[in-house]
């Protein structure tokens, strides 16, 4: 998912963003979102998930 997201703020960059995901599976998508937001200047990004997928066996 690297390169799939762009942070495009109209005006000031927010200091804090909270992201909500329905199901956390591998974390790759959320990690890329956090990376993009941090590079855009967001100081703090919290990630919340409602559920976690079971680990692969």
Foldseek 3Di string as FASTA:
>chain_A
DAPPDADDDDDDQEQEEEEEEAEAEPCPVVVNVVVRSVVVPHNYYHYYYNYYDDDDD
